[in-house]
C-alpha atoms as a PDB file:
ATOM      1  CA  MET A   1      98.605 -57.048-106.030  1.00  0.00           C
ATOM      2  CA  LYS A   2      98.639 -55.177-102.754  1.00  0.00           C
ATOM      3  CA  ALA A   3      98.279 -57.152 -99.560  1.00  0.00           C
ATOM      4  CA  LEU A   4      95.229 -55.198 -98.397  1.00  0.00           C
ATOM      5  CA  THR A   5      93.418 -55.929-101.666  1.00  0.00           C
ATOM      6  CA  LEU A   6      94.218 -59.616-101.306  1.00  0.00           C
ATOM      7  CA  TYR A   7      92.872 -59.603 -97.739  1.00  0.00           C
ATOM      8  CA  LYS A   8      89.611 -58.020 -98.910  1.00  0.00           C
ATOM      9  CA  ILE A   9      89.179 -60.580-101.701  1.00  0.00           C
ATOM     10  CA  GLN A  10      89.801 -63.406 -99.238  1.00  0.00           C
ATOM     11  CA  SER A  11      87.257 -61.933 -96.813  1.00  0.00           C
ATOM     12  CA  CYS A  12      84.602 -61.752 -99.529  1.00  0.00           C
ATOM     13  CA  LEU A  13      85.260 -65.344-100.595  1.00  0.00           C
ATOM     14  CA  TYR A  14      85.062 -66.595 -97.009  1.00  0.00           C
ATOM     15  CA  LEU A  15      81.809 -64.700 -96.437  1.00  0.00           C
ATOM     16  CA  LEU A  16      80.289 -66.092 -99.637  1.00  0.00           C
ATOM     17  CA  LEU A  17      81.054 -69.666 -98.596  1.00  0.00           C
ATOM     18  CA  ILE A  18      79.801 -69.134 -95.039  1.00  0.00           C
ATOM     19  CA  VAL A  19      76.584 -67.461 -96.223  1.00  0.00           C
ATOM     20  CA  PHE A  20      75.894 -70.339 -98.627  1.00  0.00           C
ATOM     21  CA  SER A  21      76.357 -72.848 -95.802  1.00  0.00           C
ATOM     22  CA  LEU A  22      73.969 -70.863 -93.593  1.00  0.00           C
ATOM     23  CA  GLN A  23      71.442 -70.657 -96.425  1.00  0.00           C
ATOM     24  CA  HIS A  24      71.719 -74.398 -96.913  1.00  0.00           C
ATOM     25  CA  PHE A  25      71.255 -75.012 -93.199  1.00  0.00           C
ATOM     26  CA  PHE A  26      68.079 -72.950 -92.918  1.00  0.00           C
ATOM     27  CA  PHE A  27      66.440 -73.822 -96.248  1.00  0.00           C
ATOM     28  CA  LYS A  28      67.672 -77.333 -97.090  1.00  0.00           C
ATOM     29  CA  GLU A  29      64.214 -78.959 -97.156  1.00  0.00           C
ATOM     30  CA  TYR A  30      62.933 -76.308 -99.519  1.00  0.00           C
ATOM     31  CA  SER A  31      66.079 -76.162-101.663  1.00  0.00           C
ATOM     32  CA  TYR A  32      66.386 -79.883-102.349  1.00  0.00           C
ATOM     33  CA  SER A  33      63.079 -79.746-104.247  1.00  0.00           C
ATOM     34  CA  PHE A  34      64.853 -77.817-107.039  1.00  0.00           C
ATOM     35  CA  ASP A  35      66.516 -79.799-109.798  1.00  0.00           C
ATOM     36  CA  GLY A  36      70.274 -79.475-109.760  1.00  0.00           C
ATOM     37  CA  TYR A  37      70.540 -78.182-106.197  1.00  0.00           C
ATOM     38  CA  GLU A  38      72.620 -81.183-105.145  1.00  0.00           C
ATOM     39  CA  SER A  39      75.163 -80.371-107.839  1.00  0.00           C
ATOM     40  CA  ILE A  40      75.294 -76.771-106.579  1.00  0.00           C
ATOM     41  CA  VAL A  41      75.988 -78.052-103.059  1.00  0.00           C
ATOM     42  CA  LYS A  42      78.773 -80.274-104.388  1.00  0.00           C
ATOM     43  CA  VAL A  43      80.310 -77.350-106.308  1.00  0.00           C
ATOM     44  CA  PHE A  44      80.272 -75.181-103.179  1.00  0.00           C
ATOM     45  CA  LEU A  45      81.684 -78.069-101.157  1.00  0.00           C
ATOM     46  CA  SER A  46      84.608 -78.511-103.515  1.00  0.00           C
ATOM     47  CA  ALA A  47      85.163 -74.732-103.668  1.00  0.00           C
ATOM     48  CA  SER A  48      85.088 -74.535 -99.866  1.00  0.00           C
ATOM     49  CA  PHE A  49      87.497 -77.428 -99.485  1.00  0.00           C
ATOM     50  CA  ASP A  50      89.928 -75.949-102.029  1.00  0.00           C
ATOM     51  CA  THR A  51      89.667 -72.557-100.357  1.00  0.00           C
ATOM     52  CA  VAL A  52      90.458 -73.995 -96.934  1.00  0.00           C
ATOM     53  CA  MET A  53      93.493 -75.892 -98.207  1.00  0.00           C
ATOM     54  CA  ILE A  54      94.926 -73.002-100.240  1.00  0.00           C
ATOM     55  CA  SER A  55      94.115 -70.366 -97.627  1.00  0.00           C
ATOM     56  CA  LEU A  56      96.018 -72.200 -94.939  1.00  0.00           C
ATOM     57  CA  ILE A  57      99.241 -71.666 -96.865  1.00  0.00           C
ATOM     58  CA  MET A  58      98.319 -68.134 -97.921  1.00  0.00           C
ATOM     59  CA  LEU A  59      97.430 -66.983 -94.398  1.00  0.00           C
ATOM     60  CA  VAL A  60     100.720 -68.255 -93.005  1.00  0.00           C
ATOM     61  CA  ILE A  61     102.711 -66.470 -95.707  1.00  0.00           C
ATOM     62  CA  GLU A  62     100.655 -63.275 -95.366  1.00  0.00           C
ATOM     63  CA  SER A  63     101.032 -63.224 -91.602  1.00  0.00           C
ATOM     64  CA  ILE A  64     104.803 -63.670 -91.812  1.00  0.00           C
ATOM     65  CA  ILE A  65     105.086 -60.845 -94.334  1.00  0.00           C
ATOM     66  CA  SER A  66     102.747 -58.501 -92.445  1.00  0.00           C
ATOM     67  CA  LEU A  67     104.309 -59.082 -89.037  1.00  0.00           C
ATOM     68  CA  ASN A  68     107.929 -58.816 -90.215  1.00  0.00           C
ATOM     69  CA  ARG A  69     107.435 -55.550 -92.088  1.00  0.00           C
ATOM     70  CA  LYS A  70     109.169 -52.662 -90.346  1.00  0.00           C
ATOM     71  CA  PRO A  71     106.346 -50.124 -90.584  1.00  0.00           C
ATOM     72  CA  VAL A  72     103.525 -52.299 -89.286  1.00  0.00           C
ATOM     73  CA  ARG A  73     100.271 -51.396 -91.012  1.00  0.00           C
ATOM     74  CA  LYS A  74      97.272 -51.519 -88.720  1.00  0.00           C
ATOM     75  CA  ASP A  75      94.786 -52.130 -91.571  1.00  0.00           C
ATOM     76  CA  GLU A  76      96.663 -55.214 -92.754  1.00  0.00           C
ATOM     77  CA  LEU A  77      96.771 -56.641 -89.242  1.00  0.00           C
ATOM     78  CA  LYS A  78      93.050 -55.954 -88.799  1.00  0.00           C
ATOM     79  CA  TYR A  79      92.183 -57.766 -92.026  1.00  0.00           C
ATOM     80  CA  LEU A  80      94.579 -60.582 -91.160  1.00  0.00           C
ATOM     81  CA  PHE A  81      92.756 -61.147 -87.874  1.00  0.00           C
ATOM     82  CA  ILE A  82      89.347 -60.961 -89.589  1.00  0.00           C
ATOM     83  CA  ASN A  83      90.506 -63.454 -92.211  1.00  0.00           C
ATOM     84  CA  LEU A  84      91.744 -65.855 -89.551  1.00  0.00           C
ATOM     85  CA  VAL A  85      88.327 -65.796 -87.859  1.00  0.00           C
ATOM     86  CA  LEU A  86      86.531 -66.196 -91.193  1.00  0.00           C
ATOM     87  CA  TYR A  87      88.907 -69.022 -92.118  1.00  0.00           C
ATOM     88  CA  TYR A  88      87.703 -71.079 -89.164  1.00  0.00           C
ATOM     89  CA  GLY A  89      84.103 -70.288 -90.099  1.00  0.00           C
ATOM     90  CA  THR A  90      84.797 -71.552 -93.612  1.00  0.00           C
ATOM     91  CA  ALA A  91      86.429 -74.684 -92.217  1.00  0.00           C
ATOM     92  CA  LEU A  92      83.305 -75.325 -90.128  1.00  0.00           C
ATOM     93  CA  SER A  93      81.124 -74.840 -93.186  1.00  0.00           C
ATOM     94  CA  VAL A  94      83.192 -77.448 -95.056  1.00  0.00           C
ATOM     95  CA  VAL A  95      82.622 -79.924 -92.246  1.00  0.00           C
ATOM     96  CA  TYR A  96      78.888 -79.168 -92.302  1.00  0.00           C
ATOM     97  CA  LEU A  97      78.608 -79.487 -96.091  1.00  0.00           C
ATOM     98  CA  LEU A  98      80.552 -82.752 -96.011  1.00  0.00           C
ATOM     99  CA  GLY A  99      77.884 -84.168 -93.740  1.00  0.00           C
ATOM    100  CA  GLU A 100      75.075 -82.834 -95.913  1.00  0.00           C
ATOM    101  CA  ALA A 101      76.358 -83.870 -99.352  1.00  0.00           C
ATOM    102  CA  ARG A 102      74.423 -86.822-100.638  1.00  0.00           C
ATOM    103  CA  PRO A 103      76.424 -89.606-102.267  1.00  0.00           C
ATOM    104  CA  SER A 104      76.046 -89.933-106.020  1.00  0.00           C
END
């Protein structure tokens, strides 16, 4: 898989997790009235946590590969920077969802 394709997939995953956290923040009173919403929050929490842990390793490896390549590709560096910013947004959403998840 090409590095640029991997960056785009990571960006979409980060955005999905951040958008869900924002949706939960703005509509949590309304959403908790639905049956099964708490299980959806827990699924997104576990997916966010796994994404943050795995992405930490992947971003380090991707940055080393992209920066040490002789012909530096501007698109890869742009997506690497965007992914680093989105990574911290995803990490903040994990912290928020951890505080919002109700114990079983």
